[in-house]
Amino acid sequence: MSLIEGRFRTTLGEFSLDADFSAPAHGITALFGQSGSGKTTLLRLIAGLARAPGRLVVNGEVWQDDTVFVPTHRRALGYVFQEASLFPHLSVRANLDYGWQRVPPAERTIKRDEVIDWLELAPLIALQPHQLSGGQRQRVAIGRALLSCPRLLLMDEPMAALDAGARADILPYLERLHRELELPLLYVSHALDEVARLADTLLLIDAGRLVYQGPLAAGLTRLDLPLAHRDLAATVIDTTVVAHDTALQLTRVARDAVALELPGLHGMPGTPLRVRVAARDVSLALAMPQQTSILNLLPATVTELADDAPGQMLVRLALGDTALLARITRKSAGLLNLQPGTPVVAQVKSVAVA
């Protein structure tokens, strides 16, 4: 059974929310949509910070229905806001201890030292919040939320207030938490690159309505959904590191029918590695090219085509059980006479794979 099951229906002025959703018991579920789509409203309803008619069940425990409403302070959750809301008069250590000390020792499901280690907070422990960078403050805020030993962690665009450098610094910490914790995390974002890098499951919200819920990879490659028609349209593939070419500084990864070479040395053989391939970086040929600089040549089959930007088309490809998107011109699609069932070779530059 899903850990989180909810249904909310409400109208706020001209905005209406109609969300019936479920999220799995572990991993990162991204709540994704444009600004104003209702992401934060739904997250606040889950937290009990706002109230609307509906039902919410977390791990079999009813937090809200027609007769029950559990207040926020009694919900076993952690909440990380866009701005790191640390207590300015307390040190980093005291901020971290704030939630930890309120959890009875027998109910502590996470170790304090592990959180400090995962988020690399030890060098900051004696500092005051005003002495921290934006990224450091947000790491402390995440640590404080974790040390409340929640059964559910909510993050509302935790990197929205950070610059690009700070965002790049904090993403690896979130990936590490994903690996280390069984704790389910609902992650609100309107940044598709963050979602593609972090999430397992996608809740896609548009104008207050959930238009998709399910595995991230499947949602990103659905041509009937808006994500595939953005400039950042891409495929994510969860692969495994197979081998390294240390002389040429390349890493070979694979998943079923997909084998890719990436620039740089990443992980040890056997390490899981998620790769992201932008649709704009995939070109198509009807036969295996000869004497090409492109290293990744993948036999595939066209499964679907859809109009995209003016003069462009999106092509959905099947490589075994893996889907891949390619954005090409309408002219190219016509010259190749592409249609569902057409066998092709997908060409992906190694340097284009993130």
Protein backbone atom coordinates (compact mmCIF):
# COMPACT_ATOMS: atom_id res chain seq x y z
CA MET A 1 0.00 0.00 0.00
CA SER A 2 1.19 3.55 -0.71
CA LEU A 3 2.52 5.37 2.29
CA ILE A 4 0.81 8.65 1.37
CA GLU A 5 -2.71 8.73 -0.03
CA GLY A 6 -4.61 11.99 -0.30
CA ARG A 7 -7.53 13.76 -1.87
CA PHE A 8 -8.15 17.50 -1.63
CA ARG A 9 -10.68 19.73 -3.34
CA THR A 10 -10.88 23.43 -2.63
CA THR A 11 -11.41 26.83 -4.26
CA LEU A 12 -9.34 29.87 -3.32
CA GLY A 13 -10.61 32.91 -5.17
CA GLU A 14 -10.31 32.09 -8.87
CA PHE A 15 -7.97 29.16 -8.19
CA SER A 16 -9.34 25.67 -7.67
CA LEU A 17 -7.43 22.58 -6.56
CA ASP A 18 -8.58 19.06 -7.33
CA ALA A 19 -5.92 16.54 -6.37
CA ASP A 20 -6.35 12.81 -5.79
CA PHE A 21 -2.90 11.28 -5.35
CA SER A 22 -0.74 8.56 -3.88
CA ALA A 23 3.01 8.38 -3.31
CA PRO A 24 5.22 5.37 -2.55
CA ALA A 25 6.62 4.39 0.81
CA HIS A 26 10.20 5.40 0.01
CA GLY A 27 12.26 7.49 -2.35
CA ILE A 28 11.72 11.01 -3.69
CA THR A 29 8.38 12.00 -5.15
CA ALA A 30 8.55 15.27 -7.08
CA LEU A 31 5.53 17.55 -7.07
CA PHE A 32 6.22 19.47 -10.26
CA GLY A 33 4.47 22.25 -12.13
CA GLN A 34 4.67 25.84 -13.25
CA SER A 35 4.48 28.72 -10.77
CA GLY A 36 0.89 29.09 -9.61
CA SER A 37 -0.07 25.51 -10.49
CA GLY A 38 -0.87 24.59 -6.87
CA LYS A 39 2.29 22.76 -5.76
CA THR A 40 2.87 24.66 -2.53
CA THR A 41 -0.85 24.77 -1.75
CA LEU A 42 -0.99 20.97 -1.91
CA LEU A 43 2.17 20.60 0.18
CA ARG A 44 0.77 22.91 2.87
CA LEU A 45 -2.45 20.88 2.95
CA ILE A 46 -0.40 17.71 3.47
CA ALA A 47 1.49 19.44 6.29
CA GLY A 48 -1.71 20.73 7.90
CA LEU A 49 -0.49 24.32 7.51
CA ALA A 50 -3.60 24.98 5.43
CA ARG A 51 -6.98 23.30 5.58
CA ALA A 52 -9.43 22.23 2.90
CA PRO A 53 -11.99 19.45 2.52
CA GLY A 54 -10.29 16.16 1.86
CA ARG A 55 -8.63 13.04 3.20
CA LEU A 56 -5.01 12.21 3.98
CA VAL A 57 -3.65 8.86 5.16
CA VAL A 58 0.05 8.40 5.98
CA ASN A 59 1.29 4.87 6.55
CA GLY A 60 -2.18 3.73 7.49
CA GLU A 61 -2.74 6.61 9.95
CA VAL A 62 -5.52 9.06 9.14
CA TRP A 63 -4.28 12.63 9.38
CA GLN A 64 -7.43 14.13 7.90
CA ASP A 65 -10.91 13.05 6.85
CA ASP A 66 -14.48 14.23 7.43
CA THR A 67 -14.17 13.80 11.20
CA VAL A 68 -10.42 13.94 11.92
CA PHE A 69 -7.86 16.72 11.54
CA VAL A 70 -4.45 16.14 13.09
CA PRO A 71 -2.74 19.52 13.69
CA THR A 72 0.67 20.15 12.20
CA HIS A 73 2.58 19.81 15.48
CA ARG A 74 1.21 16.27 15.90
CA ARG A 75 2.03 15.14 12.36
CA ALA A 76 5.29 13.20 12.21
CA LEU A 77 6.77 15.27 9.41
CA GLY A 78 9.71 17.52 8.66
CA TYR A 79 9.29 20.63 6.52
CA VAL A 80 12.05 22.48 4.66
CA PHE A 81 11.00 25.87 3.27
CA GLN A 82 12.37 27.90 0.36
CA GLU A 83 14.24 30.08 2.84
CA ALA A 84 16.23 28.32 5.54
CA SER A 85 14.17 29.32 8.59
CA LEU A 86 16.83 28.84 11.24
CA PHE A 87 16.60 30.34 14.71
CA PRO A 88 18.95 33.34 14.34
CA HIS A 89 19.86 33.45 18.06
CA LEU A 90 20.92 29.79 18.16
CA SER A 91 24.13 28.17 16.92
CA VAL A 92 24.10 25.47 14.27
CA ARG A 93 24.41 22.87 17.03
CA ALA A 94 21.44 24.32 18.92
CA ASN A 95 19.35 24.53 15.75
CA LEU A 96 20.03 20.87 15.04
CA ASP A 97 19.26 19.90 18.63
CA TYR A 98 15.96 21.77 18.66
CA GLY A 99 13.93 18.97 17.08
CA TRP A 100 16.18 16.12 18.25
CA GLN A 101 15.68 16.91 21.95
CA ARG A 102 11.90 16.83 21.53
CA VAL A 103 11.90 13.25 20.28
CA PRO A 104 11.79 10.63 23.06
CA PRO A 105 14.98 8.52 22.88
CA ALA A 106 12.99 5.35 22.19
CA GLU A 107 11.37 7.01 19.13
CA ARG A 108 14.56 8.31 17.51
CA THR A 109 14.68 6.61 14.13
CA ILE A 110 17.77 8.39 12.88
CA LYS A 111 21.20 8.93 14.38
CA ARG A 112 22.31 12.50 15.04
CA ASP A 113 25.94 11.87 14.06
CA GLU A 114 24.85 10.24 10.78
CA VAL A 115 22.87 13.32 9.76
CA ILE A 116 25.83 15.57 10.59
CA ASP A 117 28.08 13.27 8.57
CA TRP A 118 25.73 12.96 5.56
CA LEU A 119 25.33 16.74 5.29
CA GLU A 120 28.96 17.52 6.28
CA LEU A 121 27.85 19.85 9.06
CA ALA A 122 30.67 19.17 11.56
CA PRO A 123 32.79 22.18 10.44
CA LEU A 124 29.76 24.46 10.89
CA ILE A 125 28.55 23.19 14.25
CA ALA A 126 29.77 26.15 16.38
CA LEU A 127 28.79 28.88 13.91
CA GLN A 128 25.78 31.21 14.03
CA PRO A 129 23.28 31.32 11.13
CA HIS A 130 24.50 34.76 9.99
CA GLN A 131 27.96 33.28 9.46
CA LEU A 132 26.69 30.69 6.94
CA SER A 133 26.28 30.86 3.18
CA GLY A 134 22.85 30.26 1.68
CA GLY A 135 23.68 26.68 0.79
CA GLN A 136 25.10 26.01 4.25
CA ARG A 137 21.98 27.41 5.93
CA GLN A 138 19.79 25.16 3.80
CA ARG A 139 21.88 22.10 4.71
CA VAL A 140 21.40 22.93 8.39
CA ALA A 141 17.65 23.36 7.81
CA ILE A 142 17.51 19.92 6.16
CA GLY A 143 19.48 18.45 9.05
CA ARG A 144 17.15 19.99 11.62
CA ALA A 145 14.12 18.60 9.78
CA LEU A 146 15.66 15.12 9.67
CA LEU A 147 16.54 15.19 13.37
CA SER A 148 12.87 15.59 14.26
CA CYS A 149 12.72 11.91 13.14
CA PRO A 150 9.82 12.42 10.74
CA ARG A 151 7.93 9.68 8.92
CA LEU A 152 7.56 12.05 5.98
CA LEU A 153 9.86 14.84 4.79
CA LEU A 154 8.45 17.77 2.82
CA MET A 155 10.63 20.19 0.84
CA ASP A 156 9.12 23.28 -0.75
CA GLU A 157 11.54 24.43 -3.49
CA PRO A 158 14.50 24.26 -1.10
CA MET A 159 16.90 25.63 -3.70
CA ALA A 160 14.74 28.39 -5.15
CA ALA A 161 16.54 31.08 -3.13
CA LEU A 162 20.03 29.79 -3.97
CA ASP A 163 22.28 30.86 -6.81
CA ALA A 164 23.46 28.36 -9.43
CA GLY A 165 26.68 27.62 -7.59
CA ALA A 166 24.95 26.91 -4.28
CA ARG A 167 22.36 24.74 -6.03
CA ALA A 168 25.13 22.70 -7.66
CA ASP A 169 26.78 22.30 -4.24
CA ILE A 170 23.67 21.11 -2.40
CA LEU A 171 22.30 18.65 -4.98
CA PRO A 172 24.88 15.94 -4.13
CA TYR A 173 23.78 16.10 -0.47
CA LEU A 174 20.17 15.47 -1.48
CA GLU A 175 21.30 12.56 -3.65
CA ARG A 176 23.19 11.13 -0.69
CA LEU A 177 20.12 11.38 1.54
CA HIS A 178 18.16 9.59 -1.18
CA ARG A 179 20.65 6.72 -1.09
CA GLU A 180 20.99 6.53 2.68
CA LEU A 181 17.42 6.98 3.89
CA GLU A 182 14.24 4.95 3.56
CA LEU A 183 12.34 8.09 4.51
CA PRO A 184 9.84 9.21 1.83
CA LEU A 185 10.36 12.75 0.59
CA LEU A 186 7.86 14.99 -1.22
CA TYR A 187 9.90 17.53 -3.19
CA VAL A 188 8.25 20.60 -4.70
CA SER A 189 10.03 22.19 -7.66
CA HIS A 190 9.47 23.99 -10.94
CA ALA A 191 13.07 23.24 -12.03
CA LEU A 192 12.96 20.24 -14.36
CA ASP A 193 16.70 19.58 -14.10
CA GLU A 194 16.39 19.13 -10.32
CA VAL A 195 13.45 16.79 -10.70
CA ALA A 196 15.19 14.72 -13.40
CA ARG A 197 18.25 14.35 -11.20
CA LEU A 198 16.57 13.52 -7.89
CA ALA A 199 13.12 12.03 -8.21
CA ASP A 200 11.83 8.49 -8.57
CA THR A 201 8.13 9.32 -8.83
CA LEU A 202 6.42 12.30 -10.43
CA LEU A 203 3.22 14.10 -9.50
CA LEU A 204 2.63 16.57 -12.33
CA ILE A 205 0.22 19.37 -11.49
CA ASP A 206 -1.23 21.84 -13.96
CA ALA A 207 -3.68 24.61 -12.98
CA GLY A 208 -4.66 22.78 -9.80
CA ARG A 209 -5.16 19.39 -11.44
CA LEU A 210 -2.91 16.35 -11.28
CA VAL A 211 -2.39 15.37 -14.91
CA TYR A 212 0.11 12.56 -14.27
CA GLN A 213 1.34 10.44 -11.38
CA GLY A 214 3.74 7.57 -11.75
CA PRO A 215 7.39 6.75 -12.49
CA LEU A 216 9.49 9.78 -13.41
CA ALA A 217 11.08 8.25 -16.51
CA ALA A 218 7.70 7.34 -18.01
CA GLY A 219 6.25 10.79 -17.31
CA LEU A 220 9.16 12.61 -18.94
CA THR A 221 8.73 10.72 -22.21
CA ARG A 222 4.94 10.92 -22.56
CA LEU A 223 4.27 12.99 -25.68
CA ASP A 224 0.76 13.84 -24.47
CA LEU A 225 2.18 15.64 -21.41
CA PRO A 226 3.73 19.12 -21.36
CA LEU A 227 7.14 18.05 -20.02
CA ALA A 228 8.22 16.51 -23.34
CA HIS A 229 7.47 19.75 -25.17
CA ARG A 230 9.76 22.02 -23.18
CA ASP A 231 13.19 23.21 -24.25
CA LEU A 232 14.59 21.00 -21.47
CA ALA A 233 12.77 17.86 -22.66
CA ALA A 234 14.94 14.90 -21.80
CA THR A 235 15.08 11.23 -20.93
CA VAL A 236 16.49 9.90 -17.67
CA ILE A 237 17.92 6.39 -17.63
CA ASP A 238 18.98 4.61 -14.45
CA THR A 239 22.09 2.73 -15.51
CA THR A 240 24.93 0.84 -13.87
CA VAL A 241 28.63 1.60 -14.28
CA VAL A 242 30.19 -1.24 -16.30
CA ALA A 243 33.81 -0.21 -16.84
CA HIS A 244 36.27 2.66 -17.20
CA ASP A 245 38.73 3.54 -19.93
CA THR A 246 41.27 5.34 -17.80
CA ALA A 247 43.51 6.19 -20.76
CA LEU A 248 40.71 7.96 -22.62
CA GLN A 249 38.87 9.10 -19.47
CA LEU A 250 35.55 7.48 -20.38
CA THR A 251 32.95 5.59 -18.35
CA ARG A 252 30.79 2.87 -19.86
CA VAL A 253 27.31 2.44 -18.40
CA ALA A 254 24.46 0.13 -19.36
CA ARG A 255 20.83 -0.69 -18.79
CA ASP A 256 19.33 -3.61 -20.70
CA ALA A 257 19.51 -2.66 -24.40
CA VAL A 258 21.15 0.71 -23.71
CA ALA A 259 24.94 1.09 -23.46
CA LEU A 260 26.52 4.53 -23.29
CA GLU A 261 30.00 5.99 -23.01
CA LEU A 262 30.31 9.15 -20.92
CA PRO A 263 33.22 11.56 -20.60
CA GLY A 264 35.02 11.38 -17.25
CA LEU A 265 35.40 8.63 -14.69
CA HIS A 266 32.24 8.09 -12.65
CA GLY A 267 31.78 5.63 -9.79
CA MET A 268 33.05 2.11 -9.41
CA PRO A 269 31.85 -0.77 -11.61
CA GLY A 270 28.47 -1.86 -10.29
CA THR A 271 27.57 1.61 -9.03
CA PRO A 272 24.09 2.88 -10.03
CA LEU A 273 24.31 6.04 -12.15
CA ARG A 274 21.43 8.09 -13.50
CA VAL A 275 22.10 9.72 -16.86
CA ARG A 276 20.09 12.41 -18.58
CA VAL A 277 19.89 12.75 -22.35
CA ALA A 278 18.32 15.92 -23.76
CA ALA A 279 15.97 15.39 -26.70
CA ARG A 280 17.78 18.09 -28.66
CA ASP A 281 21.02 16.06 -28.40
CA VAL A 282 19.62 12.96 -30.12
CA SER A 283 19.76 12.65 -33.91
CA LEU A 284 18.46 9.78 -36.04
CA ALA A 285 19.73 7.73 -38.96
CA LEU A 286 18.21 4.83 -40.91
CA ALA A 287 21.48 2.86 -40.96
CA MET A 288 24.53 2.54 -38.75
CA PRO A 289 26.83 5.48 -39.60
CA GLN A 290 30.44 4.85 -40.56
CA GLN A 291 33.46 6.90 -39.47
CA THR A 292 31.53 9.20 -37.15
CA SER A 293 32.75 11.07 -34.09
CA ILE A 294 29.59 10.13 -32.20
CA LEU A 295 30.33 7.25 -29.81
CA ASN A 296 26.80 6.29 -28.75
CA LEU A 297 24.97 4.63 -31.64
CA LEU A 298 21.85 2.90 -30.35
CA PRO A 299 19.53 0.71 -32.46
CA ALA A 300 15.96 1.76 -31.69
CA THR A 301 12.40 1.68 -33.01
CA VAL A 302 10.12 4.67 -33.50
CA THR A 303 7.00 4.30 -31.34
CA GLU A 304 5.35 7.73 -31.60
CA LEU A 305 5.71 11.14 -33.23
CA ALA A 306 4.22 14.49 -32.24
CA ASP A 307 4.40 18.07 -33.45
CA ASP A 308 6.52 20.35 -31.30
CA ALA A 309 7.86 23.86 -31.86
CA PRO A 310 7.38 25.39 -35.32
CA GLY A 311 9.15 23.20 -37.88
CA GLN A 312 10.10 20.60 -35.25
CA MET A 313 8.87 17.18 -34.15
CA LEU A 314 9.37 14.97 -31.15
CA VAL A 315 10.08 11.30 -31.76
CA ARG A 316 9.65 8.72 -29.03
CA LEU A 317 11.93 5.71 -29.42
CA ALA A 318 12.03 2.29 -27.81
CA LEU A 319 15.37 0.70 -26.92
CA GLY A 320 14.19 -2.53 -25.34
CA ASP A 321 12.15 -1.42 -22.35
CA THR A 322 13.79 2.02 -22.27
CA ALA A 323 12.23 5.08 -23.94
CA LEU A 324 14.29 7.86 -25.50
CA LEU A 325 13.17 11.20 -26.96
CA ALA A 326 14.64 12.89 -30.02
CA ARG A 327 13.77 16.39 -31.24
CA ILE A 328 14.31 16.76 -34.98
CA THR A 329 12.99 19.01 -37.73
CA ARG A 330 9.78 18.21 -39.53
CA LYS A 331 11.84 18.13 -42.75
CA SER A 332 14.15 15.44 -41.35
CA ALA A 333 11.20 13.34 -40.24
CA GLY A 334 9.81 13.55 -43.76
CA LEU A 335 13.12 12.73 -45.46
CA LEU A 336 13.52 9.65 -43.26
CA ASN A 337 9.83 8.76 -43.71
CA LEU A 338 9.55 8.14 -39.98
CA GLN A 339 6.46 6.44 -38.62
CA PRO A 340 5.69 4.09 -35.73
CA GLY A 341 7.62 0.88 -36.27
CA THR A 342 10.47 2.42 -38.27
CA PRO A 343 13.87 1.00 -37.18
CA VAL A 344 16.46 3.72 -36.68
CA VAL A 345 19.83 4.37 -35.08
CA ALA A 346 19.76 6.98 -32.30
CA GLN A 347 22.98 9.00 -32.21
CA VAL A 348 23.96 10.60 -28.89
CA LYS A 349 27.14 12.56 -28.38
CA SER A 350 29.02 11.40 -25.31
CA VAL A 351 29.71 14.99 -24.28
CA ALA A 352 25.95 15.69 -24.35
CA VAL A 353 25.09 13.05 -21.72
CA ALA A 354 24.78 14.49 -18.20
